PDB file of N, CA and C in Angstrom:
ATOM      1  N   MET A   1      80.264  99.016 114.723  1.00  0.00           N
ATOM      2  CA  MET A   1      81.299  98.907 113.709  1.00  0.00           C
ATOM      3  C   MET A   1      81.476 100.280 113.068  1.00  0.00           C
ATOM      4  N   PRO A   2      82.701 100.673 112.755  1.00  0.00           N
ATOM      5  CA  PRO A   2      82.915 101.991 112.161  1.00  0.00           C
ATOM      6  C   PRO A   2      82.241 102.120 110.803  1.00  0.00           C
ATOM      7  N   GLU A   3      81.868 103.362 110.479  1.00  0.00           N
ATOM      8  CA  GLU A   3      81.188 103.602 109.207  1.00  0.00           C
ATOM      9  C   GLU A   3      82.062 103.201 108.035  1.00  0.00           C
ATOM     10  N   CYS A   4      83.333 103.557 108.061  1.00  0.00           N
ATOM     11  CA  CYS A   4      84.273 103.175 107.010  1.00  0.00           C
ATOM     12  C   CYS A   4      85.271 102.211 107.618  1.00  0.00           C
ATOM     13  N   MET A   5      85.286 100.997 107.143  1.00  0.00           N
ATOM     14  CA  MET A   5      86.120  99.969 107.745  1.00  0.00           C
ATOM     15  C   MET A   5      87.605 100.223 107.500  1.00  0.00           C
ATOM     16  N   LEU A   6      87.954 100.697 106.330  1.00  0.00           N
ATOM     17  CA  LEU A   6      89.359 100.864 105.988  1.00  0.00           C
ATOM     18  C   LEU A   6      89.664 102.296 105.593  1.00  0.00           C
ATOM     19  N   ARG A   7      90.702 102.840 106.174  1.00  0.00           N
ATOM     20  CA  ARG A   7      91.215 104.136 105.763  1.00  0.00           C
ATOM     21  C   ARG A   7      92.671 103.909 105.389  1.00  0.00           C
ATOM     22  N   PRO A   8      93.088 104.333 104.189  1.00  0.00           N
ATOM     23  CA  PRO A   8      94.477 104.112 103.817  1.00  0.00           C
ATOM     24  C   PRO A   8      95.421 104.741 104.833  1.00  0.00           C
ATOM     25  N   MET A   9      96.512 104.045 105.107  1.00  0.00           N
ATOM     26  CA  MET A   9      97.532 104.567 106.005  1.00  0.00           C
ATOM     27  C   MET A   9      98.422 105.508 105.205  1.00  0.00           C
ATOM     28  N   ALA A  10      99.314 106.185 105.887  1.00  0.00           N
ATOM     29  CA  ALA A  10     100.186 107.156 105.234  1.00  0.00           C
ATOM     30  C   ALA A  10     100.992 106.520 104.100  1.00  0.00           C
ATOM     31  N   ASP A  11     101.342 105.238 104.246  1.00  0.00           N
ATOM     32  CA  ASP A  11     102.132 104.578 103.206  1.00  0.00           C
ATOM     33  C   ASP A  11     101.276 104.048 102.056  1.00  0.00           C
ATOM     34  N   GLY A  12      99.949 104.322 102.082  1.00  0.00           N
ATOM     35  CA  GLY A  12      99.057 103.892 101.017  1.00  0.00           C
ATOM     36  C   GLY A  12      98.533 102.485 101.183  1.00  0.00           C
ATOM     37  N   ASN A  13      99.004 101.771 102.187  1.00  0.00           N
ATOM     38  CA  ASN A  13      98.530 100.416 102.437  1.00  0.00           C
ATOM     39  C   ASN A  13      97.289 100.452 103.318  1.00  0.00           C
ATOM     40  N   PRO A  14      96.455  99.429 103.191  1.00  0.00           N
ATOM     41  CA  PRO A  14      95.274  99.384 104.054  1.00  0.00           C
ATOM     42  C   PRO A  14      95.669  99.099 105.498  1.00  0.00           C
ATOM     43  N   PRO A  15      94.899  99.594 106.458  1.00  0.00           N
ATOM     44  CA  PRO A  15      95.164  99.311 107.868  1.00  0.00           C
ATOM     45  C   PRO A  15      94.732  97.888 108.206  1.00  0.00           C
ATOM     46  N   PRO A  16      94.923  97.457 109.439  1.00  0.00           N
ATOM     47  CA  PRO A  16      94.490  96.113 109.820  1.00  0.00           C
ATOM     48  C   PRO A  16      93.007  95.903 109.530  1.00  0.00           C
ATOM     49  N   LEU A  17      92.659  94.668 109.188  1.00  0.00           N
ATOM     50  CA  LEU A  17      91.283  94.305 108.884  1.00  0.00           C
ATOM     51  C   LEU A  17      90.545  93.906 110.152  1.00  0.00           C
ATOM     52  N   THR A  18      89.239  94.062 110.139  1.00  0.00           N
ATOM     53  CA  THR A  18      88.436  93.539 111.240  1.00  0.00           C
ATOM     54  C   THR A  18      88.503  92.012 111.168  1.00  0.00           C
ATOM     55  N   PRO A  19      88.188  91.315 112.268  1.00  0.00           N
ATOM     56  CA  PRO A  19      88.197  89.847 112.197  1.00  0.00           C
ATOM     57  C   PRO A  19      87.300  89.303 111.083  1.00  0.00           C
ATOM     58  N   ALA A  20      86.099  89.824 110.939  1.00  0.00           N
ATOM     59  CA  ALA A  20      85.203  89.333 109.886  1.00  0.00           C
ATOM     60  C   ALA A  20      85.792  89.594 108.505  1.00  0.00           C
ATOM     61  N   ALA A  21      86.382  90.764 108.298  1.00  0.00           N
ATOM     62  CA  ALA A  21      86.977  91.089 107.002  1.00  0.00           C
ATOM     63  C   ALA A  21      88.151  90.158 106.702  1.00  0.00           C
ATOM     64  N   PHE A  22      88.975  89.872 107.702  1.00  0.00           N
ATOM     65  CA  PHE A  22      90.096  88.958 107.481  1.00  0.00           C
ATOM     66  C   PHE A  22      89.588  87.563 107.139  1.00  0.00           C
ATOM     67  N   GLN A  23      88.545  87.115 107.806  1.00  0.00           N
ATOM     68  CA  GLN A  23      87.990  85.794 107.519  1.00  0.00           C
ATOM     69  C   GLN A  23      87.466  85.732 106.084  1.00  0.00           C
ATOM     70  N   VAL A  24      86.850  86.797 105.622  1.00  0.00           N
ATOM     71  CA  VAL A  24      86.348  86.837 104.249  1.00  0.00           C
ATOM     72  C   VAL A  24      87.501  86.825 103.258  1.00  0.00           C
ATOM     73  N   VAL A  25      88.515  87.671 103.456  1.00  0.00           N
ATOM     74  CA  VAL A  25      89.620  87.685 102.493  1.00  0.00           C
ATOM     75  C   VAL A  25      90.395  86.372 102.544  1.00  0.00           C
ATOM     76  N   LEU A  26      90.474  85.749 103.705  1.00  0.00           N
ATOM     77  CA  LEU A  26      91.122  84.445 103.804  1.00  0.00           C
ATOM     78  C   LEU A  26      90.352  83.408 102.987  1.00  0.00           C
ATOM     79  N   ALA A  27      89.041  83.440 103.071  1.00  0.00           N
ATOM     80  CA  ALA A  27      88.223  82.519 102.273  1.00  0.00           C
ATOM     81  C   ALA A  27      88.426  82.767 100.785  1.00  0.00           C
ATOM     82  N   LEU A  28      88.567  84.021 100.396  1.00  0.00           N
ATOM     83  CA  LEU A  28      88.716  84.362  98.978  1.00  0.00           C
ATOM     84  C   LEU A  28      90.144  84.192  98.470  1.00  0.00           C
ATOM     85  N   ALA A  29      91.095  84.005  99.369  1.00  0.00           N
ATOM     86  CA  ALA A  29      92.488  83.798  98.939  1.00  0.00           C
ATOM     87  C   ALA A  29      92.621  82.511  98.135  1.00  0.00           C
ATOM     88  N   GLY A  30      91.718  81.568  98.336  1.00  0.00           N
ATOM     89  CA  GLY A  30      91.743  80.321  97.582  1.00  0.00           C
ATOM     90  C   GLY A  30      91.067  80.416  96.223  1.00  0.00           C
ATOM     91  N   GLY A  31      90.502  81.550  95.903  1.00  0.00           N
ATOM     92  CA  GLY A  31      89.807  81.745  94.628  1.00  0.00           C
ATOM     93  C   GLY A  31      88.421  82.304  94.854  1.00  0.00           C
ATOM     94  N   LYS A  32      87.662  82.364  93.777  1.00  0.00           N
ATOM     95  CA  LYS A  32      86.322  82.949  93.855  1.00  0.00           C
ATOM     96  C   LYS A  32      85.423  82.108  94.753  1.00  0.00           C
ATOM     97  N   ALA A  33      84.461  82.772  95.374  1.00  0.00           N
ATOM     98  CA  ALA A  33      83.502  82.084  96.233  1.00  0.00           C
ATOM     99  C   ALA A  33      82.235  82.915  96.326  1.00  0.00           C
ATOM    100  N   HIS A  34      81.156  82.250  96.650  1.00  0.00           N
ATOM    101  CA  HIS A  34      79.896  82.941  96.900  1.00  0.00           C
ATOM    102  C   HIS A  34      79.694  83.018  98.405  1.00  0.00           C
ATOM    103  N   GLY A  35      78.717  83.797  98.831  1.00  0.00           N
ATOM    104  CA  GLY A  35      78.513  84.046 100.254  1.00  0.00           C
ATOM    105  C   GLY A  35      78.365  82.797 101.089  1.00  0.00           C
ATOM    106  N   TYR A  36      77.544  81.872 100.632  1.00  0.00           N
ATOM    107  CA  TYR A  36      77.338  80.646 101.393  1.00  0.00           C
ATOM    108  C   TYR A  36      78.643  79.865 101.511  1.00  0.00           C
ATOM    109  N   GLY A  37      79.438  79.855 100.454  1.00  0.00           N
ATOM    110  CA  GLY A  37      80.738  79.186 100.488  1.00  0.00           C
ATOM    111  C   GLY A  37      81.687  79.839 101.475  1.00  0.00           C
ATOM    112  N   ILE A  38      81.665  81.171 101.553  1.00  0.00           N
ATOM    113  CA  ILE A  38      82.510  81.896 102.510  1.00  0.00           C
ATOM    114  C   ILE A  38      82.091  81.550 103.932  1.00  0.00           C
ATOM    115  N   MET A  39      80.778  81.559 104.191  1.00  0.00           N
ATOM    116  CA  MET A  39      80.292  81.215 105.530  1.00  0.00           C
ATOM    117  C   MET A  39      80.706  79.789 105.905  1.00  0.00           C
ATOM    118  N   GLY A  40      80.608  78.860 104.972  1.00  0.00           N
ATOM    119  CA  GLY A  40      81.005  77.482 105.227  1.00  0.00           C
ATOM    120  C   GLY A  40      82.488  77.347 105.492  1.00  0.00           C
ATOM    121  N   PHE A  41      83.302  78.090 104.742  1.00  0.00           N
ATOM    122  CA  PHE A  41      84.754  78.063 104.934  1.00  0.00           C
ATOM    123  C   PHE A  41      85.109  78.500 106.349  1.00  0.00           C
ATOM    124  N   VAL A  42      84.544  79.624 106.783  1.00  0.00           N
ATOM    125  CA  VAL A  42      84.839  80.155 108.115  1.00  0.00           C
ATOM    126  C   VAL A  42      84.359  79.184 109.188  1.00  0.00           C
ATOM    127  N   ASN A  43      83.180  78.643 109.023  1.00  0.00           N
ATOM    128  CA  ASN A  43      82.643  77.687 109.986  1.00  0.00           C
ATOM    129  C   ASN A  43      83.552  76.458 110.098  1.00  0.00           C
ATOM    130  N   GLU A  44      83.970  75.928 108.966  1.00  0.00           N
ATOM    131  CA  GLU A  44      84.833  74.743 108.975  1.00  0.00           C
ATOM    132  C   GLU A  44      86.213  75.058 109.537  1.00  0.00           C
ATOM    133  N   LEU A  45      86.783  76.176 109.110  1.00  0.00           N
ATOM    134  CA  LEU A  45      88.120  76.557 109.560  1.00  0.00           C
ATOM    135  C   LEU A  45      88.188  76.723 111.073  1.00  0.00           C
ATOM    136  N   THR A  46      87.131  77.254 111.656  1.00  0.00           N
ATOM    137  CA  THR A  46      87.130  77.544 113.096  1.00  0.00           C
ATOM    138  C   THR A  46      86.468  76.439 113.909  1.00  0.00           C
ATOM    139  N   GLY A  47      86.160  75.321 113.283  1.00  0.00           N
ATOM    140  CA  GLY A  47      85.500  74.242 113.998  1.00  0.00           C
ATOM    141  C   GLY A  47      84.151  74.650 114.556  1.00  0.00           C
ATOM    142  N   GLY A  48      83.498  75.585 113.895  1.00  0.00           N
ATOM    143  CA  GLY A  48      82.178  76.034 114.316  1.00  0.00           C
ATOM    144  C   GLY A  48      82.179  77.115 115.381  1.00  0.00           C
ATOM    145  N   SER A  49      83.358  77.516 115.856  1.00  0.00           N
ATOM    146  CA  SER A  49      83.386  78.537 116.911  1.00  0.00           C
ATOM    147  C   SER A  49      83.097  79.938 116.377  1.00  0.00           C
ATOM    148  N   VAL A  50      83.286  80.150 115.080  1.00  0.00           N
ATOM    149  CA  VAL A  50      82.933  81.428 114.455  1.00  0.00           C
ATOM    150  C   VAL A  50      81.963  81.123 113.333  1.00  0.00           C
ATOM    151  N   GLN A  51      80.830  81.772 113.384  1.00  0.00           N
ATOM    152  CA  GLN A  51      79.835  81.628 112.328  1.00  0.00           C
ATOM    153  C   GLN A  51      79.449  83.016 111.844  1.00  0.00           C
ATOM    154  N   LEU A  52      79.837  83.312 110.615  1.00  0.00           N
ATOM    155  CA  LEU A  52      79.451  84.599 110.027  1.00  0.00           C
ATOM    156  C   LEU A  52      77.989  84.511 109.619  1.00  0.00           C
ATOM    157  N   GLY A  53      77.168  85.346 110.195  1.00  0.00           N
ATOM    158  CA  GLY A  53      75.774  85.404 109.786  1.00  0.00           C
ATOM    159  C   GLY A  53      75.652  86.166 108.477  1.00  0.00           C
ATOM    160  N   PRO A  54      74.545  86.002 107.779  1.00  0.00           N
ATOM    161  CA  PRO A  54      74.367  86.693 106.504  1.00  0.00           C
ATOM    162  C   PRO A  54      74.508  88.217 106.612  1.00  0.00           C
ATOM    163  N   GLY A  55      73.971  88.815 107.670  1.00  0.00           N
ATOM    164  CA  GLY A  55      74.073  90.273 107.821  1.00  0.00           C
ATOM    165  C   GLY A  55      75.512  90.724 107.935  1.00  0.00           C
ATOM    166  N   THR A  56      76.271  90.064 108.806  1.00  0.00           N
ATOM    167  CA  THR A  56      77.688  90.410 108.974  1.00  0.00           C
ATOM    168  C   THR A  56      78.457  90.163 107.686  1.00  0.00           C
ATOM    169  N   LEU A  57      78.210  89.015 107.055  1.00  0.00           N
ATOM    170  CA  LEU A  57      78.930  88.671 105.842  1.00  0.00           C
ATOM    171  C   LEU A  57      78.697  89.696 104.740  1.00  0.00           C
ATOM    172  N   TYR A  58      77.438  90.005 104.457  1.00  0.00           N
ATOM    173  CA  TYR A  58      77.163  90.876 103.322  1.00  0.00           C
ATOM    174  C   TYR A  58      77.493  92.339 103.604  1.00  0.00           C
ATOM    175  N   ARG A  59      77.409  92.776 104.856  1.00  0.00           N
ATOM    176  CA  ARG A  59      77.907  94.120 105.193  1.00  0.00           C
ATOM    177  C   ARG A  59      79.416  94.170 105.006  1.00  0.00           C
ATOM    178  N   THR A  60      80.088  93.115 105.442  1.00  0.00           N
ATOM    179  CA  THR A  60      81.548  93.063 105.295  1.00  0.00           C
ATOM    180  C   THR A  60      81.940  93.030 103.821  1.00  0.00           C
ATOM    181  N   LEU A  61      81.272  92.203 103.026  1.00  0.00           N
ATOM    182  CA  LEU A  61      81.573  92.155 101.588  1.00  0.00           C
ATOM    183  C   LEU A  61      81.324  93.511 100.933  1.00  0.00           C
ATOM    184  N   ALA A  62      80.246  94.187 101.305  1.00  0.00           N
ATOM    185  CA  ALA A  62      79.948  95.499 100.725  1.00  0.00           C
ATOM    186  C   ALA A  62      81.046  96.503 101.068  1.00  0.00           C
ATOM    187  N   ARG A  63      81.511  96.475 102.321  1.00  0.00           N
ATOM    188  CA  ARG A  63      82.583  97.398 102.709  1.00  0.00           C
ATOM    189  C   ARG A  63      83.888  97.058 102.007  1.00  0.00           C
ATOM    190  N   LEU A  64      84.201  95.771 101.936  1.00  0.00           N
ATOM    191  CA  LEU A  64      85.423  95.357 101.243  1.00  0.00           C
ATOM    192  C   LEU A  64      85.370  95.747  99.771  1.00  0.00           C
ATOM    193  N   ALA A  65      84.213  95.599  99.159  1.00  0.00           N
ATOM    194  CA  ALA A  65      84.065  95.988  97.753  1.00  0.00           C
ATOM    195  C   ALA A  65      84.183  97.501  97.593  1.00  0.00           C
ATOM    196  N   ALA A  66      83.550  98.256  98.494  1.00  0.00           N
ATOM    197  CA  ALA A  66      83.627  99.721  98.421  1.00  0.00           C
ATOM    198  C   ALA A  66      85.063 100.205  98.598  1.00  0.00           C
ATOM    199  N   ASP A  67      85.846  99.467  99.384  1.00  0.00           N
ATOM    200  CA  ASP A  67      87.242  99.839  99.628  1.00  0.00           C
ATOM    201  C   ASP A  67      88.193  99.250  98.589  1.00  0.00           C
ATOM    202  N   GLY A  68      87.653  98.520  97.605  1.00  0.00           N
ATOM    203  CA  GLY A  68      88.466  98.000  96.512  1.00  0.00           C
ATOM    204  C   GLY A  68      89.244  96.735  96.839  1.00  0.00           C
ATOM    205  N   LEU A  69      88.858  96.037  97.900  1.00  0.00           N
ATOM    206  CA  LEU A  69      89.594  94.827  98.288  1.00  0.00           C
ATOM    207  C   LEU A  69      89.004  93.560  97.685  1.00  0.00           C
ATOM    208  N   VAL A  70      87.722  93.561  97.405  1.00  0.00           N
ATOM    209  CA  VAL A  70      87.077  92.446  96.710  1.00  0.00           C
ATOM    210  C   VAL A  70      86.223  93.020  95.597  1.00  0.00           C
ATOM    211  N   GLU A  71      85.909  92.151  94.649  1.00  0.00           N
ATOM    212  CA  GLU A  71      85.016  92.555  93.571  1.00  0.00           C
ATOM    213  C   GLU A  71      84.069  91.414  93.262  1.00  0.00           C
ATOM    214  N   GLU A  72      82.873  91.801  92.858  1.00  0.00           N
ATOM    215  CA  GLU A  72      81.905  90.802  92.431  1.00  0.00           C
ATOM    216  C   GLU A  72      82.261  90.376  91.018  1.00  0.00           C
ATOM    217  N   ILE A  73      82.189  89.094  90.779  1.00  0.00           N
ATOM    218  CA  ILE A  73      82.490  88.571  89.448  1.00  0.00           C
ATOM    219  C   ILE A  73      81.205  88.608  88.635  1.00  0.00           C
ATOM    220  N   THR A  74      81.284  89.248  87.501  1.00  0.00           N
ATOM    221  CA  THR A  74      80.130  89.289  86.606  1.00  0.00           C
ATOM    222  C   THR A  74      80.455  88.469  85.369  1.00  0.00           C
ATOM    223  N   GLY A  75      79.425  88.047  84.669  1.00  0.00           N
ATOM    224  CA  GLY A  75      79.627  87.324  83.424  1.00  0.00           C
ATOM    225  C   GLY A  75      80.195  85.936  83.603  1.00  0.00           C
ATOM    226  N   MET A  76      79.681  85.196  84.592  1.00  0.00           N
ATOM    227  CA  MET A  76      80.124  83.811  84.778  1.00  0.00           C
ATOM    228  C   MET A  76      79.899  83.052  83.472  1.00  0.00           C
ATOM    229  N   ARG A  77      80.796  82.161  83.146  1.00  0.00           N
ATOM    230  CA  ARG A  77      80.650  81.368  81.928  1.00  0.00           C
ATOM    231  C   ARG A  77      79.468  80.408  82.089  1.00  0.00           C
ATOM    232  N   GLU A  78      78.743  80.228  81.011  1.00  0.00           N
ATOM    233  CA  GLU A  78      77.544  79.393  81.065  1.00  0.00           C
ATOM    234  C   GLU A  78      77.845  77.949  81.405  1.00  0.00           C
ATOM    235  N   ASN A  79      79.039  77.442  81.063  1.00  0.00           N
ATOM    236  CA  ASN A  79      79.351  76.037  81.318  1.00  0.00           C
ATOM    237  C   ASN A  79      79.838  75.791  82.738  1.00  0.00           C
ATOM    238  N   GLU A  80      79.965  76.842  83.551  1.00  0.00           N
ATOM    239  CA  GLU A  80      80.338  76.676  84.953  1.00  0.00           C
ATOM    240  C   GLU A  80      79.099  76.444  85.783  1.00  0.00           C
ATOM    241  N   PRO A  81      79.144  75.428  86.648  1.00  0.00           N
ATOM    242  CA  PRO A  81      77.970  75.206  87.495  1.00  0.00           C
ATOM    243  C   PRO A  81      77.815  76.341  88.502  1.00  0.00           C
ATOM    244  N   HIS A  82      76.660  76.943  88.513  1.00  0.00           N
ATOM    245  CA  HIS A  82      76.384  77.996  89.481  1.00  0.00           C
ATOM    246  C   HIS A  82      74.879  78.236  89.562  1.00  0.00           C
ATOM    247  N   ASP A  83      74.507  78.840  90.608  1.00  0.00           N
ATOM    248  CA  ASP A  83      73.117  79.217  90.816  1.00  0.00           C
ATOM    249  C   ASP A  83      73.021  80.691  90.429  1.00  0.00           C
ATOM    250  N   ALA A  84      72.097  81.039  89.560  1.00  0.00           N
ATOM    251  CA  ALA A  84      71.989  82.408  89.064  1.00  0.00           C
ATOM    252  C   ALA A  84      71.760  83.417  90.182  1.00  0.00           C
ATOM    253  N   ARG A  85      71.234  82.963  91.331  1.00  0.00           N
ATOM    254  CA  ARG A  85      70.985  83.888  92.433  1.00  0.00           C
ATOM    255  C   ARG A  85      72.247  84.180  93.226  1.00  0.00           C
ATOM    256  N   ARG A  86      73.256  83.346  93.095  1.00  0.00           N
ATOM    257  CA  ARG A  86      74.475  83.527  93.878  1.00  0.00           C
ATOM    258  C   ARG A  86      75.368  84.588  93.262  1.00  0.00           C
ATOM    259  N   ARG A  87      75.950  85.366  94.141  1.00  0.00           N
ATOM    260  CA  ARG A  87      76.930  86.358  93.711  1.00  0.00           C
ATOM    261  C   ARG A  87      78.296  85.825  94.096  1.00  0.00           C
ATOM    262  N   TYR A  88      79.199  85.823  93.156  1.00  0.00           N
ATOM    263  CA  TYR A  88      80.552  85.341  93.396  1.00  0.00           C
ATOM    264  C   TYR A  88      81.493  86.528  93.558  1.00  0.00           C
ATOM    265  N   TYR A  89      82.471  86.354  94.437  1.00  0.00           N
ATOM    266  CA  TYR A  89      83.430  87.409  94.756  1.00  0.00           C
ATOM    267  C   TYR A  89      84.840  86.869  94.619  1.00  0.00           C
ATOM    268  N   ARG A  90      85.782  87.787  94.421  1.00  0.00           N
ATOM    269  CA  ARG A  90      87.197  87.440  94.409  1.00  0.00           C
ATOM    270  C   ARG A  90      87.987  88.618  94.960  1.00  0.00           C
ATOM    271  N   LEU A  91      89.200  88.312  95.396  1.00  0.00           N
ATOM    272  CA  LEU A  91      90.088  89.364  95.894  1.00  0.00           C
ATOM    273  C   LEU A  91      90.626  90.177  94.732  1.00  0.00           C
ATOM    274  N   THR A  92      90.811  91.451  94.958  1.00  0.00           N
ATOM    275  CA  THR A  92      91.544  92.296  94.015  1.00  0.00           C
ATOM    276  C   THR A  92      93.021  92.243  94.411  1.00  0.00           C
ATOM    277  N   ASP A  93      93.876  92.866  93.627  1.00  0.00           N
ATOM    278  CA  ASP A  93      95.293  92.932  94.003  1.00  0.00           C
ATOM    279  C   ASP A  93      95.462  93.642  95.338  1.00  0.00           C
ATOM    280  N   LEU A  94      94.708  94.723  95.548  1.00  0.00           N
ATOM    281  CA  LEU A  94      94.762  95.442  96.817  1.00  0.00           C
ATOM    282  C   LEU A  94      94.276  94.548  97.958  1.00  0.00           C
ATOM    283  N   GLY A  95      93.247  93.758  97.705  1.00  0.00           N
ATOM    284  CA  GLY A  95      92.742  92.829  98.712  1.00  0.00           C
ATOM    285  C   GLY A  95      93.777  91.782  99.070  1.00  0.00           C
ATOM    286  N   TRP A  96      94.495  91.299  98.078  1.00  0.00           N
ATOM    287  CA  TRP A  96      95.557  90.318  98.332  1.00  0.00           C
ATOM    288  C   TRP A  96      96.639  90.944  99.210  1.00  0.00           C
ATOM    289  N   ARG A  97      97.029  92.169  98.882  1.00  0.00           N
ATOM    290  CA  ARG A  97      98.054  92.859  99.687  1.00  0.00           C
ATOM    291  C   ARG A  97      97.558  93.088 101.113  1.00  0.00           C
ATOM    292  N   ALA A  98      96.280  93.421 101.263  1.00  0.00           N
ATOM    293  CA  ALA A  98      95.712  93.616 102.601  1.00  0.00           C
ATOM    294  C   ALA A  98      95.739  92.307 103.381  1.00  0.00           C
ATOM    295  N   ALA A  99      95.442  91.196 102.717  1.00  0.00           N
ATOM    296  CA  ALA A  99      95.460  89.887 103.381  1.00  0.00           C
ATOM    297  C   ALA A  99      96.872  89.513 103.811  1.00  0.00           C
ATOM    298  N   VAL A 100      97.844  89.765 102.965  1.00  0.00           N
ATOM    299  CA  VAL A 100      99.240  89.466 103.314  1.00  0.00           C
ATOM    300  C   VAL A 100      99.680  90.342 104.482  1.00  0.00           C
ATOM    301  N   ARG A 101      99.354  91.608 104.408  1.00  0.00           N
ATOM    302  CA  ARG A 101      99.726  92.532 105.489  1.00  0.00           C
ATOM    303  C   ARG A 101      99.097  92.111 106.821  1.00  0.00           C
ATOM    304  N   GLU A 102      97.824  91.724 106.787  1.00  0.00           N
ATOM    305  CA  GLU A 102      97.145  91.296 108.005  1.00  0.00           C
ATOM    306  C   GLU A 102      97.750  89.999 108.545  1.00  0.00           C
ATOM    307  N   THR A 103      98.086  89.084 107.656  1.00  0.00           N
ATOM    308  CA  THR A 103      98.714  87.827 108.069  1.00  0.00           C
ATOM    309  C   THR A 103     100.042  88.090 108.757  1.00  0.00           C
ATOM    310  N   GLU A 104     100.828  89.005 108.207  1.00  0.00           N
ATOM    311  CA  GLU A 104     102.110  89.349 108.821  1.00  0.00           C
ATOM    312  C   GLU A 104     101.917  89.997 110.193  1.00  0.00           C
ATOM    313  N   LEU A 105     100.916  90.854 110.316  1.00  0.00           N
ATOM    314  CA  LEU A 105     100.607  91.472 111.607  1.00  0.00           C
ATOM    315  C   LEU A 105     100.202  90.408 112.631  1.00  0.00           C
ATOM    316  N   LEU A 106      99.314  89.509 112.220  1.00  0.00           N
ATOM    317  CA  LEU A 106      98.874  88.447 113.125  1.00  0.00           C
ATOM    318  C   LEU A 106     100.041  87.549 113.535  1.00  0.00           C
ATOM    319  N   GLN A 107     100.969  87.295 112.612  1.00  0.00           N
ATOM    320  CA  GLN A 107     102.133  86.475 112.951  1.00  0.00           C
ATOM    321  C   GLN A 107     102.991  87.170 114.010  1.00  0.00           C
ATOM    322  N   ARG A 108     103.171  88.483 113.876  1.00  0.00           N
ATOM    323  CA  ARG A 108     103.938  89.224 114.885  1.00  0.00           C
ATOM    324  C   ARG A 108     103.235  89.167 116.245  1.00  0.00           C
ATOM    325  N   LEU A 109     101.907  89.282 116.236  1.00  0.00           N
ATOM    326  CA  LEU A 109     101.153  89.205 117.489  1.00  0.00           C
ATOM    327  C   LEU A 109     101.261  87.815 118.112  1.00  0.00           C
ATOM    328  N   LEU A 110     101.181  86.775 117.293  1.00  0.00           N
ATOM    329  CA  LEU A 110     101.331  85.414 117.804  1.00  0.00           C
ATOM    330  C   LEU A 110     102.726  85.183 118.373  1.00  0.00           C
ATOM    331  N   ASP A 111     103.738  85.713 117.705  1.00  0.00           N
ATOM    332  CA  ASP A 111     105.107  85.586 118.211  1.00  0.00           C
ATOM    333  C   ASP A 111     105.251  86.285 119.562  1.00  0.00           C
ATOM    334  N   ALA A 112     104.666  87.469 119.688  1.00  0.00           N
ATOM    335  CA  ALA A 112     104.721  88.204 120.955  1.00  0.00           C
ATOM    336  C   ALA A 112     103.976  87.447 122.051  1.00  0.00           C
ATOM    337  N   ALA A 113     102.836  86.852 121.710  1.00  0.00           N
ATOM    338  CA  ALA A 113     102.076  86.068 122.688  1.00  0.00           C
ATOM    339  C   ALA A 113     102.884  84.860 123.142  1.00  0.00           C
ATOM    340  N   ALA A 114     103.565  84.212 122.220  1.00  0.00           N
ATOM    341  CA  ALA A 114     104.401  83.062 122.575  1.00  0.00           C
ATOM    342  C   ALA A 114     105.553  83.503 123.465  1.00  0.00           C
ATOM    343  N   ASP A 115     106.190  84.603 123.127  1.00  0.00           N
ATOM    344  CA  ASP A 115     107.297  85.123 123.947  1.00  0.00           C
ATOM    345  C   ASP A 115     106.831  85.486 125.351  1.00  0.00           C
ATOM    346  N   ALA A 116     105.578  85.908 125.473  1.00  0.00           N
ATOM    347  CA  ALA A 116     105.023  86.281 126.776  1.00  0.00           C
ATOM    348  C   ALA A 116     104.523  85.064 127.558  1.00  0.00           C
ATOM    349  N   GLY A 117     104.658  83.880 126.969  1.00  0.00           N
ATOM    350  CA  GLY A 117     104.227  82.667 127.647  1.00  0.00           C
ATOM    351  C   GLY A 117     102.746  82.375 127.514  1.00  0.00           C
ATOM    352  N   LEU A 118     102.081  83.030 126.585  1.00  0.00           N
ATOM    353  CA  LEU A 118     100.644  82.831 126.409  1.00  0.00           C
ATOM    354  C   LEU A 118     100.319  81.691 125.446  1.00  0.00           C
ATOM    355  N   SER A 119     101.346  81.069 124.903  1.00  0.00           N
ATOM    356  CA  SER A 119     101.148  80.003 123.935  1.00  0.00           C
ATOM    357  C   SER A 119     102.272  78.994 124.089  1.00  0.00           C
ATOM    358  N   SER A 120     101.996  77.756 123.767  1.00  0.00           N
ATOM    359  CA  SER A 120     103.056  76.742 123.815  1.00  0.00           C
ATOM    360  C   SER A 120     103.990  76.873 122.620  1.00  0.00           C
ATOM    361  N   ARG A 121     103.565  77.617 121.604  1.00  0.00           N
ATOM    362  CA  ARG A 121     104.383  77.837 120.416  1.00  0.00           C
ATOM    363  C   ARG A 121     105.428  78.911 120.701  1.00  0.00           C
ATOM    364  N   ARG A 122     106.654  78.632 120.426  1.00  0.00           N
ATOM    365  CA  ARG A 122     107.723  79.588 120.662  1.00  0.00           C
ATOM    366  C   ARG A 122     108.091  80.273 119.348  1.00  0.00           C
ATOM    367  N   ALA A 123     108.293  81.568 119.386  1.00  0.00           N
ATOM    368  CA  ALA A 123     108.626  82.333 118.200  1.00  0.00           C
ATOM    369  C   ALA A 123     109.932  81.856 117.572  1.00  0.00           C
ATOM    370  N   ASP A 124     110.880  81.444 118.404  1.00  0.00           N
ATOM    371  CA  ASP A 124     112.181  81.043 117.865  1.00  0.00           C
ATOM    372  C   ASP A 124     112.154  79.636 117.262  1.00  0.00           C
ATOM    373  N   SER A 125     111.063  78.898 117.414  1.00  0.00           N
ATOM    374  CA  SER A 125     110.989  77.559 116.836  1.00  0.00           C
ATOM    375  C   SER A 125     110.311  77.567 115.468  1.00  0.00           C
ATOM    376  N   ALA A 126     109.852  78.736 115.044  1.00  0.00           N
ATOM    377  CA  ALA A 126     109.142  78.825 113.759  1.00  0.00           C
ATOM    378  C   ALA A 126     110.100  78.827 112.599  1.00  0.00           C
TER     379      ALA A 126
END
């Protein structure tokens, strides 16, 4: 894996995300989550075909945080149920924009795959 996952493009937007990074930001698009919750989301979403291990997950979260796409939530309210050992994360505005940009890229790729006959889904039926 590259040392720096994201390098800003000339237009200031983040480049495409790695699959693990996209899975993490997708999990966080629904709101704050802790690592175990993110792993469960990805496992459920993919029917168990993708399982983010703790090493991959926390390296990815660290890179996303270093690049300003996610942030750790500090100062959880005492009346919220949580385990003090869990770290909760959420998307930043930049992270949200990166997720939208990646989703749009993936949609273009899916449309091209459908046009090439690689999928039963047709781009013109969307």
